[in-house]
Amino acid sequence: PFMAKLRDETGETVNLGILENNMALLLQKLE
């Protein structure tokens, strides 16, 4: 819900990720 609000307010893609094996693993993406 927070990602959707941020995307709608900015008009930009919003990504959510976590650290895994020295990489940022993408968990969610709102285009």
All heavy atoms as atom14 arrays in JSON, in Angstrom:
{
  "sequence": "PFMAKLRDETGETVNLGILENNMALLLQKLE",
  "atom14_mask": [
    [1, 1, 1, 1, 1, 1, 1, 0, 0, 0, 0, 0, 0, 0],
    [1, 1, 1, 1, 1, 1, 1, 1, 1, 1, 1, 0, 0, 0],
    [1, 1, 1, 1, 1, 1, 1, 1, 0, 0, 0, 0, 0, 0],
    [1, 1, 1, 1, 1, 0, 0, 0, 0, 0, 0, 0, 0, 0],
    [1, 1, 1, 1, 1, 1, 1, 1, 1, 0, 0, 0, 0, 0],
    [1, 1, 1, 1, 1, 1, 1, 1, 0, 0, 0, 0, 0, 0],
    [1, 1, 1, 1, 1, 1, 1, 1, 1, 1, 1, 0, 0, 0],
    [1, 1, 1, 1, 1, 1, 1, 1, 0, 0, 0, 0, 0, 0],
    [1, 1, 1, 1, 1, 1, 1, 1, 1, 0, 0, 0, 0, 0],
    [1, 1, 1, 1, 1, 1, 1, 0, 0, 0, 0, 0, 0, 0],
    [1, 1, 1, 1, 0, 0, 0, 0, 0, 0, 0, 0, 0, 0],
    [1, 1, 1, 1, 1, 1, 1, 1, 1, 0, 0, 0, 0, 0],
    [1, 1, 1, 1, 1, 1, 1, 0, 0, 0, 0, 0, 0, 0],
    [1, 1, 1, 1, 1, 1, 1, 0, 0, 0, 0, 0, 0, 0],
    [1, 1, 1, 1, 1, 1, 1, 1, 0, 0, 0, 0, 0, 0],
    [1, 1, 1, 1, 1, 1, 1, 1, 0, 0, 0, 0, 0, 0],
    [1, 1, 1, 1, 0, 0, 0, 0, 0, 0, 0, 0, 0, 0],
    [1, 1, 1, 1, 1, 1, 1, 1, 0, 0, 0, 0, 0, 0],
    [1, 1, 1, 1, 1, 1, 1, 1, 0, 0, 0, 0, 0, 0],
    [1, 1, 1, 1, 1, 1, 1, 1, 1, 0, 0, 0, 0, 0],
    [1, 1, 1, 1, 1, 1, 1, 1, 0, 0, 0, 0, 0, 0],
    [1, 1, 1, 1, 1, 1, 1, 1, 0, 0, 0, 0, 0, 0],
    [1, 1, 1, 1, 1, 1, 1, 1, 0, 0, 0, 0, 0, 0],
    [1, 1, 1, 1, 1, 0, 0, 0, 0, 0, 0, 0, 0, 0],
    [1, 1, 1, 1, 1, 1, 1, 1, 0, 0, 0, 0, 0, 0],
    [1, 1, 1, 1, 1, 1, 1, 1, 0, 0, 0, 0, 0, 0],
    [1, 1, 1, 1, 1, 1, 1, 1, 0, 0, 0, 0, 0, 0],
    [1, 1, 1, 1, 1, 1, 1, 1, 1, 0, 0, 0, 0, 0],
    [1, 1, 1, 1, 1, 1, 1, 1, 1, 0, 0, 0, 0, 0],
    [1, 1, 1, 1, 1, 1, 1, 1, 0, 0, 0, 0, 0, 0],
    [1, 1, 1, 1, 1, 1, 1, 1, 1, 0, 0, 0, 0, 0]
  ],
  "atom14_positions": [
    [[0.81, -1.22, 0.0], [0.0, 0.0, 0.0], [0.85, 1.27, 0.0], [0.5, 2.26, -0.66], [-0.82, -0.12, 1.29], [-0.83, -1.57, 1.62], [0.48, -2.1, 1.15], [0.0, 0.0, 0.0], [0.0, 0.0, 0.0], [0.0, 0.0, 0.0], [0.0, 0.0, 0.0], [0.0, 0.0, 0.0], [0.0, 0.0, 0.0], [0.0, 0.0, 0.0]],
    [[1.97, 1.25, 0.73], [2.85, 2.41, 0.78], [3.58, 2.59, -0.54], [3.79, 3.72, -1.0], [3.85, 2.25, 1.93], [3.19, 2.07, 3.28], [3.05, 0.81, 3.83], [2.7, 3.17, 3.98], [2.44, 0.63, 5.06], [2.1, 3.01, 5.21], [1.96, 1.74, 5.75], [0.0, 0.0, 0.0], [0.0, 0.0, 0.0], [0.0, 0.0, 0.0]],
    [[3.96, 1.47, -1.15], [4.61, 1.53, -2.46], [3.65, 2.08, -3.52], [4.05, 2.89, -4.36], [5.09, 0.13, -2.86], [6.2, -0.43, -1.99], [6.59, -2.16, -2.41], [7.23, -1.96, -4.09], [0.0, 0.0, 0.0], [0.0, 0.0, 0.0], [0.0, 0.0, 0.0], [0.0, 0.0, 0.0], [0.0, 0.0, 0.0], [0.0, 0.0, 0.0]],
    [[2.4, 1.65, -3.45], [1.41, 2.12, -4.41], [1.17, 3.63, -4.27], [1.06, 4.36, -5.27], [0.09, 1.36, -4.23], [0.0, 0.0, 0.0], [0.0, 0.0, 0.0], [0.0, 0.0, 0.0], [0.0, 0.0, 0.0], [0.0, 0.0, 0.0], [0.0, 0.0, 0.0], [0.0, 0.0, 0.0], [0.0, 0.0, 0.0], [0.0, 0.0, 0.0]],
    [[1.12, 4.09, -3.03], [0.94, 5.52, -2.79], [2.12, 6.31, -3.33], [1.93, 7.36, -3.98], [0.77, 5.79, -1.29], [0.54, 7.25, -0.96], [0.37, 7.47, 0.55], [0.15, 8.94, 0.86], [0.03, 9.19, 2.32], [0.0, 0.0, 0.0], [0.0, 0.0, 0.0], [0.0, 0.0, 0.0], [0.0, 0.0, 0.0], [0.0, 0.0, 0.0]],
    [[3.32, 5.82, -3.1], [4.51, 6.5, -3.58], [4.55, 6.52, -5.11], [4.88, 7.54, -5.72], [5.76, 5.81, -3.03], [7.12, 6.43, -3.37], [7.18, 7.87, -2.88], [8.24, 5.6, -2.77], [0.0, 0.0, 0.0], [0.0, 0.0, 0.0], [0.0, 0.0, 0.0], [0.0, 0.0, 0.0], [0.0, 0.0, 0.0], [0.0, 0.0, 0.0]],
    [[4.21, 5.4, -5.73], [4.17, 5.35, -7.2], [3.14, 6.32, -7.76], [3.42, 7.05, -8.72], [3.82, 3.93, -7.66], [3.69, 3.78, -9.18], [2.86, 2.59, -9.55], [1.53, 2.66, -8.95], [0.71, 1.63, -8.85], [1.06, 0.44, -9.3], [-0.48, 1.77, -8.28], [0.0, 0.0, 0.0], [0.0, 0.0, 0.0], [0.0, 0.0, 0.0]],
    [[1.95, 6.36, -7.15], [0.88, 7.23, -7.65], [1.23, 8.7, -7.48], [0.88, 9.54, -8.33], [-0.43, 6.91, -6.94], [-0.94, 5.5, -7.24], [-0.46, 4.91, -8.23], [-1.79, 5.0, -6.48], [0.0, 0.0, 0.0], [0.0, 0.0, 0.0], [0.0, 0.0, 0.0], [0.0, 0.0, 0.0], [0.0, 0.0, 0.0], [0.0, 0.0, 0.0]],
    [[1.91, 9.04, -6.39], [2.26, 10.44, -6.13], [3.42, 10.92, -6.98], [3.5, 12.1, -7.32], [2.58, 10.64, -4.64], [1.36, 10.51, -3.73], [1.71, 10.73, -2.27], [2.92, 10.82, -1.96], [0.77, 10.82, -1.45], [0.0, 0.0, 0.0], [0.0, 0.0, 0.0], [0.0, 0.0, 0.0], [0.0, 0.0, 0.0], [0.0, 0.0, 0.0]],
    [[4.33, 9.99, -7.32], [5.52, 10.39, -8.08], [5.44, 10.03, -9.56], [6.15, 10.62, -10.39], [6.78, 9.73, -7.5], [6.66, 8.29, -7.64], [6.96, 10.09, -6.04], [0.0, 0.0, 0.0], [0.0, 0.0, 0.0], [0.0, 0.0, 0.0], [0.0, 0.0, 0.0], [0.0, 0.0, 0.0], [0.0, 0.0, 0.0], [0.0, 0.0, 0.0]],
    [[4.57, 9.07, -9.89], [4.5, 8.6, -11.27], [5.7, 7.77, -11.67], [5.98, 7.58, -12.85], [0.0, 0.0, 0.0], [0.0, 0.0, 0.0], [0.0, 0.0, 0.0], [0.0, 0.0, 0.0], [0.0, 0.0, 0.0], [0.0, 0.0, 0.0], [0.0, 0.0, 0.0], [0.0, 0.0, 0.0], [0.0, 0.0, 0.0], [0.0, 0.0, 0.0]],
    [[6.42, 7.26, -10.68], [7.63, 6.49, -10.95], [7.49, 5.05, -10.46], [6.69, 4.75, -9.58], [8.84, 7.13, -10.25], [9.12, 8.57, -10.64], [9.55, 8.72, -12.09], [9.95, 7.7, -12.69], [9.49, 9.85, -12.61], [0.0, 0.0, 0.0], [0.0, 0.0, 0.0], [0.0, 0.0, 0.0], [0.0, 0.0, 0.0], [0.0, 0.0, 0.0]],
    [[8.3, 4.16, -11.04], [8.33, 2.77, -10.6], [8.92, 2.69, -9.19], [9.89, 3.38, -8.87], [9.18, 1.92, -11.56], [8.56, 1.91, -12.84], [9.33, 0.48, -11.06], [0.0, 0.0, 0.0], [0.0, 0.0, 0.0], [0.0, 0.0, 0.0], [0.0, 0.0, 0.0], [0.0, 0.0, 0.0], [0.0, 0.0, 0.0], [0.0, 0.0, 0.0]],
    [[8.35, 1.81, -8.36], [8.81, 1.64, -6.99], [9.2, 0.18, -6.77], [8.42, -0.73, -7.07], [7.72, 2.06, -5.97], [8.22, 1.86, -4.55], [7.3, 3.5, -6.19], [0.0, 0.0, 0.0], [0.0, 0.0, 0.0], [0.0, 0.0, 0.0], [0.0, 0.0, 0.0], [0.0, 0.0, 0.0], [0.0, 0.0, 0.0], [0.0, 0.0, 0.0]],
    [[10.4, -0.03, -6.26], [10.91, -1.37, -6.0], [11.11, -1.61, -4.51], [11.39, -0.68, -3.76], [12.26, -1.58, -6.7], [12.16, -1.59, -8.21], [11.15, -2.01, -8.77], [13.2, -1.12, -8.87], [0.0, 0.0, 0.0], [0.0, 0.0, 0.0], [0.0, 0.0, 0.0], [0.0, 0.0, 0.0], [0.0, 0.0, 0.0], [0.0, 0.0, 0.0]],
    [[10.99, -2.85, -4.11], [11.25, -3.26, -2.73], [12.21, -4.44, -2.77], [11.99, -5.39, -3.53], [9.96, -3.69, -2.02], [10.1, -4.32, -0.63], [10.54, -3.27, 0.38], [8.78, -4.96, -0.18], [0.0, 0.0, 0.0], [0.0, 0.0, 0.0], [0.0, 0.0, 0.0], [0.0, 0.0, 0.0], [0.0, 0.0, 0.0], [0.0, 0.0, 0.0]],
    [[13.28, -4.37, -1.99], [14.24, -5.46, -2.01], [14.89, -5.69, -0.66], [14.77, -4.89, 0.26], [0.0, 0.0, 0.0], [0.0, 0.0, 0.0], [0.0, 0.0, 0.0], [0.0, 0.0, 0.0], [0.0, 0.0, 0.0], [0.0, 0.0, 0.0], [0.0, 0.0, 0.0], [0.0, 0.0, 0.0], [0.0, 0.0, 0.0], [0.0, 0.0, 0.0]],
    [[15.61, -6.79, -0.57], [16.35, -7.14, 0.65], [17.76, -7.58, 0.26], [18.04, -7.88, -0.91], [15.67, -8.28, 1.44], [15.57, -9.55, 0.56], [14.31, -7.87, 1.95], [15.1, -10.77, 1.32], [0.0, 0.0, 0.0], [0.0, 0.0, 0.0], [0.0, 0.0, 0.0], [0.0, 0.0, 0.0], [0.0, 0.0, 0.0], [0.0, 0.0, 0.0]],
    [[18.64, -7.59, 1.24], [20.01, -8.05, 1.03], [20.05, -9.57, 1.03], [19.55, -10.22, 1.94], [20.91, -7.5, 2.14], [22.37, -7.99, 2.12], [23.09, -7.48, 0.88], [23.09, -7.53, 3.39], [0.0, 0.0, 0.0], [0.0, 0.0, 0.0], [0.0, 0.0, 0.0], [0.0, 0.0, 0.0], [0.0, 0.0, 0.0], [0.0, 0.0, 0.0]],
    [[20.66, -10.13, -0.01], [20.85, -11.58, -0.06], [22.08, -11.89, -0.91], [22.14, -11.53, -2.09], [19.63, -12.3, -0.63], [19.75, -13.81, -0.59], [18.44, -14.51, -0.9], [17.52, -14.43, -0.07], [18.35, -15.15, -1.97], [0.0, 0.0, 0.0], [0.0, 0.0, 0.0], [0.0, 0.0, 0.0], [0.0, 0.0, 0.0], [0.0, 0.0, 0.0]],
    [[23.05, -12.56, -0.3], [24.27, -12.96, -1.0], [24.96, -11.78, -1.69], [25.35, -11.86, -2.86], [23.97, -14.06, -2.02], [23.46, -15.33, -1.38], [23.88, -15.7, -0.28], [22.53, -16.0, -2.04], [0.0, 0.0, 0.0], [0.0, 0.0, 0.0], [0.0, 0.0, 0.0], [0.0, 0.0, 0.0], [0.0, 0.0, 0.0], [0.0, 0.0, 0.0]],
    [[25.08, -10.68, -0.95], [25.74, -9.47, -1.47], [25.07, -8.91, -2.72], [25.72, -8.29, -3.58], [27.22, -9.74, -1.75], [28.08, -9.54, -0.51], [27.64, -8.97, 0.48], [29.3, -10.02, -0.56], [0.0, 0.0, 0.0], [0.0, 0.0, 0.0], [0.0, 0.0, 0.0], [0.0, 0.0, 0.0], [0.0, 0.0, 0.0], [0.0, 0.0, 0.0]],
    [[23.78, -9.12, -2.82], [22.97, -8.55, -3.89], [21.71, -7.96, -3.26], [21.31, -8.33, -2.16], [22.58, -9.61, -4.93], [23.75, -10.27, -5.64], [24.5, -9.21, -6.89], [23.34, -9.43, -8.25], [0.0, 0.0, 0.0], [0.0, 0.0, 0.0], [0.0, 0.0, 0.0], [0.0, 0.0, 0.0], [0.0, 0.0, 0.0], [0.0, 0.0, 0.0]],
    [[21.08, -7.04, -3.99], [19.78, -6.53, -3.56], [18.71, -7.34, -4.3], [18.49, -7.15, -5.49], [19.65, -5.05, -3.9], [0.0, 0.0, 0.0], [0.0, 0.0, 0.0], [0.0, 0.0, 0.0], [0.0, 0.0, 0.0], [0.0, 0.0, 0.0], [0.0, 0.0, 0.0], [0.0, 0.0, 0.0], [0.0, 0.0, 0.0], [0.0, 0.0, 0.0]],
    [[18.08, -8.26, -3.59], [17.09, -9.15, -4.19], [15.75, -8.44, -4.25], [15.21, -8.0, -3.23], [16.97, -10.43, -3.39], [15.95, -11.46, -3.91], [16.42, -12.03, -5.25], [15.75, -12.58, -2.9], [0.0, 0.0, 0.0], [0.0, 0.0, 0.0], [0.0, 0.0, 0.0], [0.0, 0.0, 0.0], [0.0, 0.0, 0.0], [0.0, 0.0, 0.0]],
    [[15.18, -8.33, -5.44], [13.91, -7.62, -5.64], [12.73, -8.5, -5.23], [12.54, -9.59, -5.74], [13.77, -7.22, -7.11], [12.75, -6.13, -7.42], [13.14, -4.82, -6.75], [12.64, -5.92, -8.93], [0.0, 0.0, 0.0], [0.0, 0.0, 0.0], [0.0, 0.0, 0.0], [0.0, 0.0, 0.0], [0.0, 0.0, 0.0], [0.0, 0.0, 0.0]],
    [[11.95, -8.0, -4.26], [10.79, -8.74, -3.76], [9.49, -8.27, -4.38], [8.56, -9.06, -4.56], [10.69, -8.56, -2.23], [11.82, -9.09, -1.37], [11.53, -8.81, 0.1], [12.03, -10.58, -1.59], [0.0, 0.0, 0.0], [0.0, 0.0, 0.0], [0.0, 0.0, 0.0], [0.0, 0.0, 0.0], [0.0, 0.0, 0.0], [0.0, 0.0, 0.0]],
    [[9.4, -6.99, -4.68], [8.14, -6.43, -5.2], [8.48, -5.27, -6.12], [9.46, -4.55, -5.91], [7.25, -5.96, -4.05], [5.91, -5.38, -4.44], [5.02, -6.38, -5.14], [5.25, -6.7, -6.3], [4.01, -6.87, -4.45], [0.0, 0.0, 0.0], [0.0, 0.0, 0.0], [0.0, 0.0, 0.0], [0.0, 0.0, 0.0], [0.0, 0.0, 0.0]],
    [[7.64, -5.07, -7.13], [7.86, -4.0, -8.09], [6.51, -3.49, -8.58], [5.69, -4.27, -9.08], [8.69, -4.51, -9.26], [8.94, -3.48, -10.36], [9.79, -4.09, -11.47], [10.06, -3.09, -12.57], [10.89, -3.67, -13.66], [0.0, 0.0, 0.0], [0.0, 0.0, 0.0], [0.0, 0.0, 0.0], [0.0, 0.0, 0.0], [0.0, 0.0, 0.0]],
    [[6.28, -2.2, -8.43], [5.07, -1.57, -8.94], [5.48, -0.63, -10.07], [6.19, 0.35, -9.86], [4.34, -0.8, -7.83], [3.88, -1.64, -6.63], [3.05, -0.78, -5.68], [3.07, -2.84, -7.08], [0.0, 0.0, 0.0], [0.0, 0.0, 0.0], [0.0, 0.0, 0.0], [0.0, 0.0, 0.0], [0.0, 0.0, 0.0], [0.0, 0.0, 0.0]],
    [[5.06, -0.96, -11.28], [5.51, -0.25, -12.47], [4.96, 1.16, -12.57], [3.83, 1.45, -12.15], [5.11, -1.03, -13.72], [5.85, -2.35, -13.9], [7.24, -2.18, -14.46], [7.66, -1.01, -14.65], [7.9, -3.2, -14.72], [0.0, 0.0, 0.0], [0.0, 0.0, 0.0], [0.0, 0.0, 0.0], [0.0, 0.0, 0.0], [0.0, 0.0, 0.0]]
  ]
}
